Amino acid sequence: MFENLSERLERSFKILKGEGKITEINIAETLKDVRRALLDADVNYKVAKTFTDSVKQKALGMNVLTAVKPGQLMVKIVHDELARLMGGEAVGLNLSSRPSVILMSGLQGSGKTTFSGKLANQLKLKQHKNPLLVACDVYRPAAIEQLKVVGAQIGVPVYSEPDSKDVVTIANNAIREAKAKGYDTVIVDTAGRLAVDEEMMNEIASLKDALNPDETLFVVDSMTGQDAVNTAKEFNDRLDFDGVVLTKLDGDTRGGAALSIRTVVTKPIKFVGTGEKMEAIDVFHPDRMADRILGMGDIVSLVERAQEQFDEEEARKLQKKIQKNQFDFNDFLGQIEQIKKMGNLKDLAAMIPGVGKAIKDVDIDDNAFKGIEAIIKSMTPKERTHPEILNTSRRARIAKGSGTNIQEVNRLIKQFDQTRKMMKMVTGSQMAGMMSRMKGMNIPGMPKMK
């Protein structure tokens, strides 16, 4: 995501490297390159021009401090302008009614049905909501069945009327069902088309008029670039939606939609989809996205994902086991599961400042843990709990059972032993001191750590 744009912007800033100050001449050359980079990323031409004009005006109006180089100042100005361009701050959902109604809109193939499931899953797990999914795509073959499959994956019920084509009646009946059974959020998945047409617009407009939803979200495939922005404008002119959802940001996208859509439709980007899993959904933070575009990582989002998987009681138990040198392969397997739940491995690594550029050409397979898991799961319960009994014959059996070789098994056991020794070293007084220091930490954008 944004890899090409990040590289182009970095090259642009090098024009100012070594310059003693910002002048109209060197800033013009830099911004000419920045504008080209934005256009190559499929950013709307008017948006790109307005952006670079604003950066130029701010750069020429600032005095460069002795401690700050012109190139560094330019990065700061571009960062702030990128964040402003994408909305400035995160905007949440307005779910004040009971039940709250969220209406999904967008073209066919944009990912509405999958995103409906992701949103229901997030509301259920993070906000402790009790959502109901509603199948109002009555035209696409197997659309209702697809939503039911998604609902089953996340444990959320789906309301449908397979024999009816009247979407307004279906949605109204679903809301009555929600009130009767205590569902506090209703997410209505609607039909899309391959292109904007009058029939689709009339149907979605009539649904909005009848339901008076708390939120109307427009779902758009970010890989379609400027087409996404044009479609968003047509939908907004007709629906006056409340926010945008960008899907497939983990794909080979140049980022033009994310950078242009806020300016063109003047509506906030509320969520982004970052993968196929039901957990692959993030609230859109413009400042964090600006960090990532400029290669600065996104450490706050990384910490947030880690905290979502962090169980304080389990951590205490684990610490006691480490102190007693009882950390075993069952615990090791549990740690792997927590890491996997945090999301795509390459995406996680790219959130660490400085790492994104280093791994851009490295293929990090999401199945990287499969071999390790296969080896551990080929052990008996006793072997997992007591790794010290793993002699040569046991290791040979484990290699055969896991489809690996004896060298791979030996390597894993050696790494496990080293990890266990290292973890033992940092427990006790060192761990206590580290935890006491962390208690007072206040990470920007995060609640104070406990």
Protein backbone atom coordinates (compact mmCIF):
# COMPACT_ATOMS: atom_id res chain seq x y z
CA MET A 1 0.00 0.00 0.00
CA PHE A 2 1.38 3.42 -1.07
CA GLU A 3 4.85 1.88 -1.67
CA ASN A 4 5.43 3.64 -5.00
CA LEU A 5 4.17 6.98 -3.65
CA SER A 6 6.40 6.67 -0.57
CA GLU A 7 9.48 6.07 -2.75
CA ARG A 8 8.66 8.97 -5.08
CA LEU A 9 8.10 11.39 -2.20
CA GLU A 10 11.37 10.33 -0.58
CA ARG A 11 13.21 11.06 -3.84
CA SER A 12 11.49 14.44 -4.04
CA PHE A 13 12.71 15.45 -0.57
CA LYS A 14 16.29 14.61 -1.56
CA ILE A 15 16.25 17.64 -3.85
CA LEU A 16 16.39 19.78 -0.68
CA LYS A 17 19.07 17.65 0.95
CA GLY A 18 22.17 19.72 1.62
CA GLU A 19 20.39 23.02 0.94
CA GLY A 20 20.96 25.71 3.55
CA LYS A 21 17.47 27.14 3.30
CA ILE A 22 14.15 26.89 1.50
CA THR A 23 13.91 29.21 -1.49
CA GLU A 24 11.28 29.75 -4.16
CA ILE A 25 13.58 28.04 -6.68
CA ASN A 26 14.41 24.82 -4.80
CA ILE A 27 10.89 24.49 -3.40
CA ALA A 28 9.43 24.77 -6.93
CA GLU A 29 11.63 21.91 -8.13
CA THR A 30 10.76 19.74 -5.14
CA LEU A 31 7.01 20.32 -5.41
CA LYS A 32 7.04 19.71 -9.15
CA ASP A 33 8.35 16.22 -8.34
CA VAL A 34 5.82 15.81 -5.50
CA ARG A 35 2.97 16.72 -7.87
CA ARG A 36 4.19 14.12 -10.39
CA ALA A 37 4.35 11.52 -7.61
CA LEU A 38 0.74 12.26 -6.60
CA LEU A 39 -0.52 12.09 -10.18
CA ASP A 40 1.30 8.78 -10.71
CA ALA A 41 -0.51 7.53 -7.59
CA ASP A 42 -3.79 8.32 -9.40
CA VAL A 43 -4.61 11.37 -7.25
CA ASN A 44 -7.14 13.77 -8.76
CA TYR A 45 -5.28 16.52 -10.70
CA LYS A 46 -7.06 19.42 -8.98
CA VAL A 47 -6.42 17.83 -5.58
CA ALA A 48 -2.72 17.37 -6.37
CA LYS A 49 -2.36 21.00 -7.53
CA THR A 50 -4.20 22.43 -4.52
CA PHE A 51 -2.08 20.24 -2.23
CA THR A 52 1.28 21.36 -3.65
CA ASP A 53 0.17 25.02 -3.73
CA SER A 54 -0.73 24.80 -0.05
CA VAL A 55 2.61 23.15 0.82
CA LYS A 56 4.51 25.82 -1.12
CA GLN A 57 2.67 28.64 0.64
CA LYS A 58 3.39 27.17 4.07
CA ALA A 59 7.02 26.29 3.30
CA LEU A 60 7.90 29.78 2.02
CA GLY A 61 6.18 31.35 4.99
CA MET A 62 8.27 29.47 7.55
CA ASN A 63 11.71 30.30 8.87
CA VAL A 64 13.95 27.23 9.04
CA LEU A 65 15.32 26.75 12.54
CA THR A 66 19.05 26.18 12.85
CA ALA A 67 18.45 22.69 14.21
CA VAL A 68 16.05 21.73 11.42
CA LYS A 69 17.22 21.07 7.87
CA PRO A 70 15.03 22.25 4.94
CA GLY A 71 14.37 18.64 3.88
CA GLN A 72 13.15 17.75 7.38
CA LEU A 73 10.90 20.79 7.49
CA MET A 74 9.43 19.84 4.11
CA VAL A 75 8.64 16.33 5.36
CA LYS A 76 6.82 17.84 8.36
CA ILE A 77 4.79 20.24 6.18
CA VAL A 78 3.89 17.49 3.66
CA HIS A 79 2.91 15.15 6.52
CA ASP A 80 0.55 17.71 8.04
CA GLU A 81 -0.96 18.53 4.63
CA LEU A 82 -1.46 14.84 3.81
CA ALA A 83 -3.26 14.33 7.11
CA ARG A 84 -5.43 17.40 6.46
CA LEU A 85 -6.13 16.21 2.89
CA MET A 86 -7.45 12.89 4.22
CA GLY A 87 -9.67 14.50 6.84
CA GLY A 88 -7.42 15.56 9.70
CA GLU A 89 -8.81 13.25 12.37
CA ALA A 90 -10.60 9.92 12.76
CA VAL A 91 -14.42 10.03 12.61
CA GLY A 92 -16.42 7.32 14.36
CA LEU A 93 -19.90 5.94 13.81
CA ASN A 94 -22.99 7.68 15.16
CA LEU A 95 -24.96 4.86 16.81
CA SER A 96 -27.33 6.75 19.08
CA SER A 97 -30.62 5.00 18.21
CA ARG A 98 -31.81 1.61 19.47
CA PRO A 99 -31.59 -0.28 17.30
CA SER A 100 -29.04 1.74 15.32
CA VAL A 101 -29.32 1.20 11.56
CA ILE A 102 -26.28 1.16 9.25
CA LEU A 103 -27.02 1.16 5.51
CA MET A 104 -24.27 -0.12 3.18
CA SER A 105 -24.04 1.16 -0.39
CA GLY A 106 -21.65 0.75 -3.32
CA LEU A 107 -21.04 -1.02 -6.62
CA GLN A 108 -20.99 -4.78 -7.07
CA GLY A 109 -17.57 -6.22 -6.27
CA SER A 110 -16.56 -3.41 -3.93
CA GLY A 111 -16.70 -5.73 -0.92
CA LYS A 112 -19.96 -4.60 0.75
CA THR A 113 -21.00 -8.04 1.98
CA THR A 114 -17.59 -8.94 3.41
CA PHE A 115 -17.23 -5.51 5.00
CA SER A 116 -20.71 -5.80 6.55
CA GLY A 117 -19.45 -8.93 8.31
CA LYS A 118 -16.18 -7.27 9.37
CA LEU A 119 -18.06 -4.29 10.81
CA ALA A 120 -20.52 -6.54 12.67
CA ASN A 121 -17.57 -8.51 14.06
CA GLN A 122 -15.78 -5.36 15.22
CA LEU A 123 -18.90 -3.90 16.86
CA LYS A 124 -19.53 -7.21 18.61
CA LEU A 125 -15.98 -7.73 19.91
CA LYS A 126 -14.80 -4.19 20.60
CA GLN A 127 -17.99 -2.28 21.45
CA HIS A 128 -19.94 -5.25 22.88
CA LYS A 129 -22.84 -4.62 20.52
CA ASN A 130 -25.42 -7.24 19.57
CA PRO A 131 -25.67 -6.83 15.78
CA LEU A 132 -28.06 -8.27 13.20
CA LEU A 133 -27.08 -8.56 9.52
CA VAL A 134 -29.82 -8.02 6.93
CA ALA A 135 -29.69 -9.49 3.40
CA CYS A 136 -31.16 -6.90 1.02
CA ASP A 137 -29.19 -7.92 -2.07
CA VAL A 138 -32.03 -9.83 -3.72
CA TYR A 139 -30.60 -9.90 -7.27
CA ARG A 140 -27.08 -11.32 -7.21
CA PRO A 141 -27.06 -15.14 -7.23
CA ALA A 142 -26.04 -16.59 -3.84
CA ALA A 143 -25.73 -13.11 -2.24
CA ILE A 144 -28.00 -14.11 0.65
CA GLU A 145 -26.07 -17.35 1.12
CA GLN A 146 -22.76 -15.45 1.11
CA LEU A 147 -23.98 -13.18 3.91
CA LYS A 148 -25.14 -16.23 5.89
CA VAL A 149 -21.69 -17.80 5.54
CA VAL A 150 -20.08 -14.56 6.75
CA GLY A 151 -22.54 -14.35 9.65
CA ALA A 152 -21.80 -17.94 10.68
CA GLN A 153 -18.05 -17.20 10.69
CA ILE A 154 -18.44 -14.41 13.25
CA GLY A 155 -21.43 -15.75 15.17
CA VAL A 156 -23.84 -13.00 14.06
CA PRO A 157 -27.42 -13.86 12.90
CA VAL A 158 -28.64 -12.93 9.42
CA TYR A 159 -32.22 -11.85 8.63
CA SER A 160 -33.40 -12.71 5.12
CA GLU A 161 -36.57 -13.30 3.10
CA PRO A 162 -35.40 -15.38 0.09
CA ASP A 163 -38.81 -15.31 -1.63
CA SER A 164 -39.24 -11.52 -1.49
CA LYS A 165 -37.83 -8.84 -3.82
CA ASP A 166 -39.22 -5.89 -1.83
CA VAL A 167 -36.10 -4.62 -0.06
CA VAL A 168 -37.92 -1.89 1.89
CA THR A 169 -40.31 -4.45 3.41
CA ILE A 170 -37.42 -6.85 4.16
CA ALA A 171 -35.45 -4.11 5.95
CA ASN A 172 -38.47 -2.89 7.94
CA ASN A 173 -39.29 -6.46 8.99
CA ALA A 174 -35.66 -6.91 10.05
CA ILE A 175 -35.82 -3.82 12.28
CA ARG A 176 -39.00 -5.15 13.89
CA GLU A 177 -37.19 -8.45 14.46
CA ALA A 178 -34.27 -6.59 16.03
CA LYS A 179 -36.54 -4.72 18.44
CA ALA A 180 -38.34 -7.92 19.40
CA LYS A 181 -35.18 -9.94 20.01
CA GLY A 182 -32.95 -7.26 21.53
CA TYR A 183 -30.47 -6.60 18.71
CA ASP A 184 -29.04 -3.10 19.15
CA THR A 185 -27.43 -2.64 15.71
CA VAL A 186 -28.87 -3.49 12.28
CA ILE A 187 -26.45 -3.64 9.32
CA VAL A 188 -28.26 -3.66 5.97
CA ASP A 189 -26.31 -5.17 3.04
CA THR A 190 -27.71 -3.86 -0.26
CA ALA A 191 -27.45 -4.77 -3.93
CA GLY A 192 -24.79 -3.31 -6.21
CA ARG A 193 -24.39 -3.14 -9.98
CA LEU A 194 -21.39 -3.26 -12.29
CA ALA A 195 -21.96 0.44 -13.00
CA VAL A 196 -24.10 3.25 -11.60
CA ASP A 197 -27.65 3.02 -13.00
CA GLU A 198 -30.98 4.69 -12.25
CA GLU A 199 -32.67 1.53 -10.98
CA MET A 200 -30.00 0.92 -8.36
CA MET A 201 -29.98 4.57 -7.25
CA ASN A 202 -33.76 4.62 -6.91
CA GLU A 203 -33.71 1.46 -4.79
CA ILE A 204 -30.96 2.58 -2.41
CA ALA A 205 -32.53 6.05 -2.13
CA SER A 206 -35.94 4.55 -1.25
CA LEU A 207 -34.26 2.33 1.36
CA LYS A 208 -32.60 5.33 2.95
CA ASP A 209 -35.87 7.32 2.99
CA ALA A 210 -37.78 4.41 4.56
CA LEU A 211 -35.17 3.45 7.19
CA ASN A 212 -33.77 6.87 8.10
CA PRO A 213 -30.47 5.14 9.05
CA ASP A 214 -28.06 6.45 11.68
CA GLU A 215 -25.20 5.83 9.24
CA THR A 216 -25.09 5.44 5.45
CA LEU A 217 -21.68 4.15 4.38
CA PHE A 218 -20.33 4.06 0.83
CA VAL A 219 -18.03 1.07 0.26
CA VAL A 220 -15.47 1.45 -2.51
CA ASP A 221 -12.66 -0.70 -3.88
CA SER A 222 -9.52 1.42 -3.42
CA MET A 223 -7.80 -0.40 -6.30
CA THR A 224 -10.09 1.35 -8.80
CA GLY A 225 -8.32 4.70 -8.21
CA GLN A 226 -10.00 7.73 -9.77
CA ASP A 227 -13.00 5.63 -10.83
CA ALA A 228 -13.66 5.12 -7.12
CA VAL A 229 -13.70 8.88 -6.56
CA ASN A 230 -16.06 9.51 -9.51
CA THR A 231 -18.44 6.78 -8.31
CA ALA A 232 -18.35 8.18 -4.77
CA LYS A 233 -19.36 11.60 -6.10
CA GLU A 234 -22.37 10.14 -7.98
CA PHE A 235 -23.54 8.21 -4.92
CA ASN A 236 -23.04 11.19 -2.62
CA ASP A 237 -24.99 13.53 -4.93
CA ARG A 238 -27.93 11.15 -4.70
CA LEU A 239 -27.63 9.68 -1.19
CA ASP A 240 -25.68 12.26 0.84
CA PHE A 241 -23.94 9.40 2.66
CA ASP A 242 -22.17 9.83 6.02
CA GLY A 243 -18.82 8.23 5.37
CA VAL A 244 -16.58 6.20 3.09
CA VAL A 245 -15.14 2.71 3.52
CA LEU A 246 -12.01 1.87 1.49
CA THR A 247 -11.58 -1.88 0.90
CA LYS A 248 -8.58 -3.83 -0.44
CA LEU A 249 -5.98 -1.37 0.82
CA ASP A 250 -3.67 -4.37 1.24
CA GLY A 251 -3.68 -4.91 -2.53
CA ASP A 252 -1.49 -3.39 -5.22
CA THR A 253 -3.09 0.03 -4.89
CA ARG A 254 -1.46 3.36 -5.66
CA GLY A 255 -3.48 5.20 -3.02
CA GLY A 256 -5.13 7.83 -5.22
CA ALA A 257 -8.62 7.09 -3.90
CA ALA A 258 -7.55 7.52 -0.25
CA LEU A 259 -5.89 10.85 -1.02
CA SER A 260 -8.59 12.29 -3.30
CA ILE A 261 -11.96 11.07 -2.07
CA ARG A 262 -12.18 13.25 1.08
CA THR A 263 -11.68 16.45 -0.92
CA VAL A 264 -14.03 15.51 -3.78
CA VAL A 265 -17.03 14.35 -1.71
CA THR A 266 -16.24 16.25 1.55
CA LYS A 267 -17.17 13.15 3.57
CA PRO A 268 -14.79 11.37 5.98
CA ILE A 269 -13.14 8.02 5.34
CA LYS A 270 -14.32 6.05 8.37
CA PHE A 271 -12.88 2.56 7.86
CA VAL A 272 -10.37 0.69 5.73
CA GLY A 273 -10.26 -3.00 4.90
CA THR A 274 -6.74 -4.42 5.09
CA GLY A 275 -7.14 -8.12 4.27
CA GLU A 276 -9.49 -11.05 3.82
CA LYS A 277 -9.89 -12.07 7.47
CA MET A 278 -12.88 -10.85 9.46
CA GLU A 279 -10.51 -9.01 11.82
CA ALA A 280 -8.88 -7.11 8.92
CA ILE A 281 -10.65 -3.79 9.46
CA ASP A 282 -9.19 -0.56 10.85
CA VAL A 283 -10.64 2.79 11.85
CA PHE A 284 -9.13 5.31 9.42
CA HIS A 285 -6.68 7.70 11.10
CA PRO A 286 -5.46 10.36 8.60
CA ASP A 287 -2.37 11.26 10.64
CA ARG A 288 -1.29 7.63 10.96
CA MET A 289 -1.86 7.06 7.25
CA ALA A 290 0.31 10.10 6.52
CA ASP A 291 3.03 8.55 8.72
CA ARG A 292 2.90 5.36 6.67
CA ILE A 293 2.92 7.16 3.32
CA LEU A 294 6.09 8.99 4.37
CA GLY A 295 7.74 5.78 5.60
CA MET A 296 7.47 6.65 9.31
CA GLY A 297 5.61 3.48 10.30
CA ASP A 298 2.54 3.40 12.53
CA ILE A 299 3.63 2.33 15.98
CA VAL A 300 0.39 3.47 17.69
CA SER A 301 -1.75 1.15 15.55
CA LEU A 302 0.72 -1.67 16.16
CA VAL A 303 0.43 -1.19 19.95
CA GLU A 304 -3.38 -1.04 19.67
CA ARG A 305 -3.47 -4.37 17.82
CA ALA A 306 -1.17 -5.93 20.40
CA GLN A 307 -3.33 -4.66 23.27
CA GLU A 308 -6.46 -6.13 21.66
CA GLN A 309 -4.88 -9.59 21.92
CA PHE A 310 -3.36 -8.98 25.37
CA ASP A 311 -4.94 -10.87 28.27
CA GLU A 312 -3.65 -9.50 31.58
CA GLU A 313 -4.53 -12.62 33.60
CA GLU A 314 -2.87 -14.92 31.07
CA ALA A 315 0.20 -12.66 31.04
CA ARG A 316 0.52 -12.97 34.83
CA LYS A 317 0.30 -16.76 34.64
CA LEU A 318 2.86 -16.80 31.84
CA GLN A 319 5.27 -14.62 33.82
CA LYS A 320 5.09 -17.02 36.79
CA LYS A 321 5.83 -19.97 34.48
CA ILE A 322 8.81 -18.13 32.99
CA GLN A 323 10.18 -17.32 36.45
CA LYS A 324 9.98 -21.02 37.38
CA ASN A 325 11.50 -22.03 34.01
CA GLN A 326 8.24 -23.82 33.13
CA PHE A 327 7.56 -22.03 29.81
CA ASP A 328 6.71 -24.89 27.41
CA PHE A 329 5.69 -25.54 23.81
CA ASN A 330 1.98 -25.07 24.68
CA ASP A 331 2.78 -21.51 25.79
CA PHE A 332 4.93 -21.00 22.69
CA LEU A 333 2.03 -22.11 20.48
CA GLY A 334 -0.30 -19.70 22.33
CA GLN A 335 2.04 -16.78 21.63
CA ILE A 336 2.09 -17.66 17.91
CA GLU A 337 -1.72 -17.67 17.85
CA GLN A 338 -1.80 -14.18 19.41
CA ILE A 339 0.62 -12.82 16.80
CA LYS A 340 -1.42 -14.34 13.96
CA LYS A 341 -4.60 -12.70 15.26
CA MET A 342 -2.94 -9.28 15.01
CA GLY A 343 -3.11 -9.42 11.20
CA ASN A 344 -1.01 -9.74 8.06
CA LEU A 345 2.66 -10.23 9.04
CA LYS A 346 4.11 -7.91 6.39
CA ASP A 347 1.56 -5.24 7.26
CA LEU A 348 2.49 -5.53 10.95
CA ALA A 349 6.22 -5.30 10.21
CA ALA A 350 5.65 -2.22 8.03
CA MET A 351 4.14 -0.43 11.04
CA ILE A 352 7.57 -0.40 12.70
CA PRO A 353 9.38 2.84 11.76
CA GLY A 354 12.10 2.21 9.18
CA VAL A 355 11.09 -1.39 8.48
CA GLY A 356 8.55 -0.79 5.68
CA LYS A 357 11.17 0.26 3.14
CA ALA A 358 13.55 -2.52 4.15
CA ILE A 359 10.99 -5.29 3.53
CA LYS A 360 9.19 -3.89 0.49
CA ASP A 361 10.71 -6.53 -1.81
CA VAL A 362 10.61 -9.31 0.80
CA ASP A 363 7.82 -11.86 0.52
CA ILE A 364 6.56 -12.52 4.05
CA ASP A 365 4.18 -15.45 3.84
CA ASP A 366 1.23 -15.39 6.25
CA ASN A 367 1.77 -19.15 6.51
CA ALA A 368 5.30 -18.61 7.87
CA PHE A 369 4.32 -20.25 11.18
CA LYS A 370 2.85 -23.38 9.57
CA GLY A 371 6.06 -25.43 9.79
CA ILE A 372 6.58 -24.49 13.45
CA GLU A 373 2.96 -25.28 14.32
CA ALA A 374 3.16 -28.63 12.50
CA ILE A 375 6.26 -29.62 14.50
CA ILE A 376 4.74 -28.64 17.87
CA LYS A 377 1.41 -30.30 17.09
CA SER A 378 3.26 -33.54 16.18
CA MET A 379 4.55 -33.71 19.77
CA THR A 380 2.70 -35.65 22.46
CA PRO A 381 1.14 -33.63 25.32
CA LYS A 382 3.97 -34.82 27.58
CA GLU A 383 6.65 -33.72 25.08
CA ARG A 384 5.12 -30.25 24.76
CA THR A 385 5.05 -29.84 28.54
CA HIS A 386 8.51 -31.37 29.13
CA PRO A 387 10.76 -30.41 26.15
CA GLU A 388 13.79 -31.86 27.96
CA ILE A 389 12.66 -35.43 27.13
CA LEU A 390 12.93 -34.82 23.37
CA ASN A 391 15.70 -37.30 22.51
CA THR A 392 16.88 -38.34 19.03
CA SER A 393 14.22 -41.01 18.42
CA ARG A 394 11.40 -38.68 19.53
CA ARG A 395 12.71 -35.91 17.26
CA ALA A 396 12.85 -38.31 14.29
CA ARG A 397 9.21 -39.32 14.91
CA ILE A 398 8.14 -35.63 15.18
CA ALA A 399 9.95 -34.78 11.92
CA LYS A 400 8.16 -37.61 10.12
CA GLY A 401 4.76 -36.68 11.59
CA SER A 402 5.10 -32.97 10.73
CA GLY A 403 6.38 -33.48 7.20
CA THR A 404 9.68 -31.76 8.03
CA ASN A 405 13.20 -33.07 8.60
CA ILE A 406 15.30 -33.70 11.70
CA GLN A 407 17.38 -30.55 11.09
CA GLU A 408 14.28 -28.33 11.19
CA VAL A 409 13.07 -29.99 14.41
CA ASN A 410 16.52 -29.58 16.01
CA ARG A 411 16.63 -25.93 14.93
CA LEU A 412 13.22 -25.18 16.47
CA ILE A 413 14.10 -26.89 19.76
CA LYS A 414 17.42 -25.00 19.94
CA GLN A 415 15.66 -21.66 19.26
CA PHE A 416 13.02 -22.52 21.86
CA ASP A 417 15.70 -23.27 24.49
CA GLN A 418 17.45 -19.96 23.71
CA THR A 419 14.15 -18.08 23.93
CA ARG A 420 13.31 -19.68 27.26
CA LYS A 421 16.72 -18.76 28.73
CA MET A 422 16.41 -15.18 27.51
CA MET A 423 12.89 -14.82 28.94
CA LYS A 424 14.07 -16.19 32.29
CA MET A 425 16.85 -13.56 32.35
CA VAL A 426 14.44 -10.64 32.05
CA THR A 427 12.01 -11.79 34.75
CA GLY A 428 12.16 -11.01 38.45
CA SER A 429 13.58 -7.63 39.41
CA GLN A 430 14.29 -6.61 35.79
CA MET A 431 10.73 -7.37 34.68
CA ALA A 432 9.29 -5.62 37.74
CA GLY A 433 11.37 -2.52 37.06
CA MET A 434 10.36 -2.49 33.40
CA MET A 435 6.65 -2.86 34.22
CA SER A 436 6.80 -0.05 36.81
CA ARG A 437 8.34 2.27 34.22
CA MET A 438 5.72 1.30 31.61
CA LYS A 439 2.84 2.10 33.99
CA GLY A 440 3.51 5.81 33.70
CA MET A 441 3.90 5.81 29.93
CA ASN A 442 1.49 7.95 27.95
CA ILE A 443 1.59 7.04 24.27
CA PRO A 444 -0.03 9.72 22.04
CA GLY A 445 -3.45 8.62 20.92
CA MET A 446 -3.52 5.72 23.41
CA PRO A 447 -5.08 5.36 26.87
CA LYS A 448 -2.57 5.44 29.71
CA MET A 449 -1.06 1.98 30.18
CA LYS A 450 -2.04 0.00 33.26
